[in-house]
N, C-alpha and C. Protein backbone atom coordinates (compact mmCIF):
# COMPACT_ATOMS: atom_id res chain seq x y z
N MET A 1 0.85 -1.18 0.00
CA MET A 1 0.00 0.00 0.00
C MET A 1 0.89 1.24 0.00
N ALA A 2 0.71 2.10 -0.97
CA ALA A 2 1.50 3.32 -1.09
C ALA A 2 1.08 4.33 -0.04
N LYS A 3 2.07 5.01 0.53
CA LYS A 3 1.77 6.05 1.51
C LYS A 3 1.38 7.32 0.78
N LYS A 4 0.36 8.00 1.29
CA LYS A 4 -0.08 9.26 0.70
C LYS A 4 0.69 10.40 1.34
N LYS A 5 0.96 11.40 0.55
CA LYS A 5 1.61 12.61 1.04
C LYS A 5 0.64 13.78 0.89
N LEU A 6 0.78 14.78 1.74
CA LEU A 6 -0.02 15.98 1.62
C LEU A 6 0.41 16.73 0.37
N ASP A 7 -0.54 17.37 -0.31
CA ASP A 7 -0.18 18.13 -1.50
C ASP A 7 0.56 19.41 -1.10
N GLU A 8 1.16 20.10 -2.08
CA GLU A 8 1.96 21.29 -1.80
C GLU A 8 1.20 22.35 -1.04
N ASN A 9 -0.07 22.55 -1.38
CA ASN A 9 -0.87 23.56 -0.68
C ASN A 9 -1.03 23.23 0.79
N SER A 10 -1.06 21.95 1.12
CA SER A 10 -1.19 21.54 2.50
C SER A 10 0.13 21.67 3.25
N LEU A 11 1.22 21.79 2.53
CA LEU A 11 2.52 21.87 3.16
C LEU A 11 3.01 23.29 3.40
N ASP A 12 2.14 24.27 3.19
CA ASP A 12 2.54 25.66 3.39
C ASP A 12 3.07 25.89 4.79
N GLY A 13 2.57 25.18 5.77
CA GLY A 13 3.00 25.36 7.15
C GLY A 13 4.05 24.36 7.57
N ALA A 14 4.84 23.84 6.65
CA ALA A 14 5.77 22.76 6.96
C ALA A 14 6.81 23.13 8.01
N ALA A 15 7.05 24.39 8.23
CA ALA A 15 8.00 24.78 9.26
C ALA A 15 7.40 24.64 10.65
N GLY A 16 6.11 24.38 10.74
CA GLY A 16 5.46 24.27 12.03
C GLY A 16 4.44 23.18 12.03
N GLY A 17 3.31 23.44 12.62
CA GLY A 17 2.28 22.42 12.73
C GLY A 17 0.99 22.89 12.11
N TYR A 18 -0.10 22.40 12.65
CA TYR A 18 -1.42 22.69 12.09
C TYR A 18 -2.43 22.83 13.22
N VAL A 19 -3.57 23.43 12.89
CA VAL A 19 -4.71 23.50 13.79
C VAL A 19 -5.77 22.58 13.20
N PHE A 20 -6.39 21.76 14.05
CA PHE A 20 -7.38 20.79 13.59
C PHE A 20 -8.57 20.81 14.53
N SER A 21 -9.78 20.85 13.96
CA SER A 21 -11.00 20.76 14.76
C SER A 21 -11.42 19.30 14.83
N ALA A 22 -11.14 18.67 15.95
CA ALA A 22 -11.46 17.26 16.13
C ALA A 22 -12.91 17.06 16.56
N GLY A 23 -13.58 18.15 16.89
CA GLY A 23 -15.00 18.06 17.27
C GLY A 23 -15.24 17.13 18.44
N GLU A 24 -16.28 16.35 18.37
CA GLU A 24 -16.66 15.47 19.48
C GLU A 24 -15.67 14.32 19.67
N TRP A 25 -14.78 14.09 18.71
CA TRP A 25 -13.81 13.00 18.82
C TRP A 25 -12.51 13.46 19.47
N ALA A 26 -12.45 14.68 19.96
CA ALA A 26 -11.22 15.21 20.55
C ALA A 26 -10.84 14.49 21.84
N GLY A 27 -11.80 13.83 22.47
CA GLY A 27 -11.53 13.17 23.74
C GLY A 27 -11.82 14.08 24.93
N VAL A 28 -11.77 15.37 24.72
CA VAL A 28 -12.08 16.35 25.75
C VAL A 28 -13.16 17.24 25.15
N LYS A 29 -14.41 17.05 25.56
CA LYS A 29 -15.54 17.71 24.91
C LYS A 29 -15.45 19.23 24.88
N ASP A 30 -14.87 19.84 25.91
CA ASP A 30 -14.82 21.30 25.94
C ASP A 30 -13.57 21.86 25.27
N LYS A 31 -12.74 20.99 24.68
CA LYS A 31 -11.53 21.43 23.98
C LYS A 31 -11.41 20.69 22.64
N PRO A 32 -12.25 21.07 21.67
CA PRO A 32 -12.27 20.33 20.40
C PRO A 32 -11.19 20.72 19.39
N TYR A 33 -10.45 21.81 19.65
CA TYR A 33 -9.42 22.26 18.70
C TYR A 33 -8.05 21.79 19.14
N GLU A 34 -7.31 21.22 18.20
CA GLU A 34 -6.00 20.67 18.51
C GLU A 34 -4.91 21.37 17.70
N VAL A 35 -3.74 21.53 18.31
CA VAL A 35 -2.56 21.97 17.59
C VAL A 35 -1.80 20.68 17.27
N ILE A 36 -1.54 20.47 15.97
CA ILE A 36 -0.95 19.24 15.46
C ILE A 36 0.49 19.48 15.00
N ASP A 37 1.41 18.63 15.42
CA ASP A 37 2.80 18.69 14.98
C ASP A 37 2.89 18.21 13.54
N ASP A 38 3.52 19.00 12.67
CA ASP A 38 3.57 18.63 11.25
C ASP A 38 4.53 17.49 10.97
N ARG A 39 5.44 17.20 11.87
CA ARG A 39 6.42 16.13 11.63
C ARG A 39 5.82 14.74 11.78
N ASP A 40 4.95 14.57 12.78
CA ASP A 40 4.43 13.23 13.02
C ASP A 40 2.92 13.17 13.25
N GLY A 41 2.26 14.33 13.23
CA GLY A 41 0.81 14.36 13.40
C GLY A 41 0.35 14.24 14.84
N SER A 42 1.28 14.30 15.77
CA SER A 42 0.89 14.18 17.18
C SER A 42 0.18 15.46 17.66
N VAL A 43 -0.62 15.31 18.69
CA VAL A 43 -1.35 16.43 19.27
C VAL A 43 -0.43 17.15 20.25
N LEU A 44 -0.21 18.44 20.01
CA LEU A 44 0.64 19.24 20.89
C LEU A 44 -0.15 19.94 21.99
N GLY A 45 -1.47 20.01 21.82
CA GLY A 45 -2.33 20.64 22.82
C GLY A 45 -3.76 20.69 22.33
N ARG A 46 -4.70 20.80 23.28
CA ARG A 46 -6.13 20.89 22.97
C ARG A 46 -6.68 22.18 23.57
N TYR A 47 -7.57 22.84 22.81
CA TYR A 47 -8.04 24.16 23.21
C TYR A 47 -9.54 24.32 22.97
N SER A 48 -10.14 25.25 23.69
CA SER A 48 -11.58 25.46 23.64
C SER A 48 -12.07 26.12 22.36
N THR A 49 -11.27 27.03 21.82
CA THR A 49 -11.70 27.76 20.63
C THR A 49 -10.61 27.70 19.55
N LYS A 50 -11.03 27.94 18.33
CA LYS A 50 -10.08 27.98 17.22
C LYS A 50 -9.09 29.12 17.44
N LYS A 51 -9.57 30.25 17.90
CA LYS A 51 -8.70 31.40 18.15
C LYS A 51 -7.62 31.05 19.19
N GLU A 52 -8.01 30.37 20.25
CA GLU A 52 -7.05 29.97 21.28
C GLU A 52 -6.02 28.99 20.70
N ALA A 53 -6.48 28.05 19.87
CA ALA A 53 -5.56 27.08 19.26
C ALA A 53 -4.56 27.80 18.35
N ILE A 54 -5.03 28.76 17.58
CA ILE A 54 -4.14 29.52 16.69
C ILE A 54 -3.11 30.29 17.51
N GLN A 55 -3.55 30.93 18.60
CA GLN A 55 -2.62 31.67 19.46
C GLN A 55 -1.57 30.74 20.06
N MET A 56 -1.99 29.56 20.50
CA MET A 56 -1.05 28.62 21.10
C MET A 56 -0.11 28.02 20.05
N ALA A 57 -0.61 27.82 18.84
CA ALA A 57 0.26 27.34 17.77
C ALA A 57 1.38 28.34 17.53
N LYS A 58 1.05 29.62 17.54
CA LYS A 58 2.07 30.66 17.38
C LYS A 58 3.08 30.60 18.51
N ARG A 59 2.59 30.46 19.74
CA ARG A 59 3.48 30.40 20.90
C ARG A 59 4.40 29.18 20.86
N LYS A 60 3.92 28.10 20.25
CA LYS A 60 4.71 26.88 20.15
C LYS A 60 5.56 26.87 18.88
N PHE A 61 5.60 28.02 18.20
CA PHE A 61 6.35 28.18 16.95
C PHE A 61 5.87 27.19 15.89
N GLN A 62 4.56 27.04 15.82
CA GLN A 62 3.92 26.17 14.85
C GLN A 62 3.14 27.02 13.85
N SER A 63 2.86 26.44 12.71
CA SER A 63 2.02 27.09 11.72
C SER A 63 0.60 27.18 12.26
N GLN A 64 -0.15 28.12 11.74
CA GLN A 64 -1.55 28.23 12.13
C GLN A 64 -2.48 27.72 11.04
N LYS A 65 -1.94 27.05 10.04
CA LYS A 65 -2.73 26.50 8.94
C LYS A 65 -3.67 25.43 9.48
N GLU A 66 -4.88 25.42 8.95
CA GLU A 66 -5.88 24.47 9.43
C GLU A 66 -5.91 23.21 8.55
N ILE A 67 -5.92 22.06 9.20
CA ILE A 67 -6.12 20.79 8.50
C ILE A 67 -7.62 20.67 8.28
N GLY A 68 -8.02 20.41 7.04
CA GLY A 68 -9.44 20.45 6.70
C GLY A 68 -10.21 19.15 6.86
N SER A 69 -9.51 18.03 7.06
CA SER A 69 -10.25 16.77 7.13
C SER A 69 -9.46 15.72 7.91
N TRP A 70 -10.20 14.69 8.32
CA TRP A 70 -9.57 13.56 8.99
C TRP A 70 -8.60 12.85 8.04
N GLU A 71 -8.92 12.85 6.76
CA GLU A 71 -8.06 12.19 5.77
C GLU A 71 -6.69 12.87 5.70
N GLU A 72 -6.67 14.20 5.74
CA GLU A 72 -5.40 14.93 5.73
C GLU A 72 -4.59 14.60 6.97
N LEU A 73 -5.25 14.55 8.13
CA LEU A 73 -4.57 14.23 9.38
C LEU A 73 -4.03 12.81 9.33
N TYR A 74 -4.82 11.88 8.85
CA TYR A 74 -4.39 10.48 8.73
C TYR A 74 -3.17 10.38 7.82
N SER A 75 -3.22 11.08 6.70
CA SER A 75 -2.10 11.06 5.75
C SER A 75 -0.83 11.59 6.40
N LEU A 76 -0.95 12.67 7.16
CA LEU A 76 0.19 13.24 7.86
C LEU A 76 0.77 12.24 8.85
N ARG A 77 -0.09 11.54 9.58
CA ARG A 77 0.37 10.58 10.58
C ARG A 77 0.99 9.34 9.96
N GLN A 78 0.63 9.03 8.73
CA GLN A 78 1.20 7.86 8.05
C GLN A 78 2.59 8.14 7.49
N GLY A 79 2.94 9.43 7.39
CA GLY A 79 4.27 9.81 6.92
C GLY A 79 4.34 9.72 5.47
C-alpha cells in the first residue's frame, strides 16, 4: 500500500504544525481544537476555541494552517 503525502498547498505550514478541529472526537468535549505537529501528526495541545488554538500554535512556533479533514490528518500521521 503506497503512503499518501499531503499536497503542496497543505505543506505551506511545513516549518510548524497545524490546527485541527477534532470536534466530538477530541476526547475532551470542551476542547475540540487541537494543535498538530507537522512532523508526526501528534497532538501538541487541545483548546476550547479555534482562536485559542491559533494563538497557542504561534506560541509553540507552529504554523496556524488548518487541516481540513480527517483524511489529511491520517495522511500526515502515516508519513
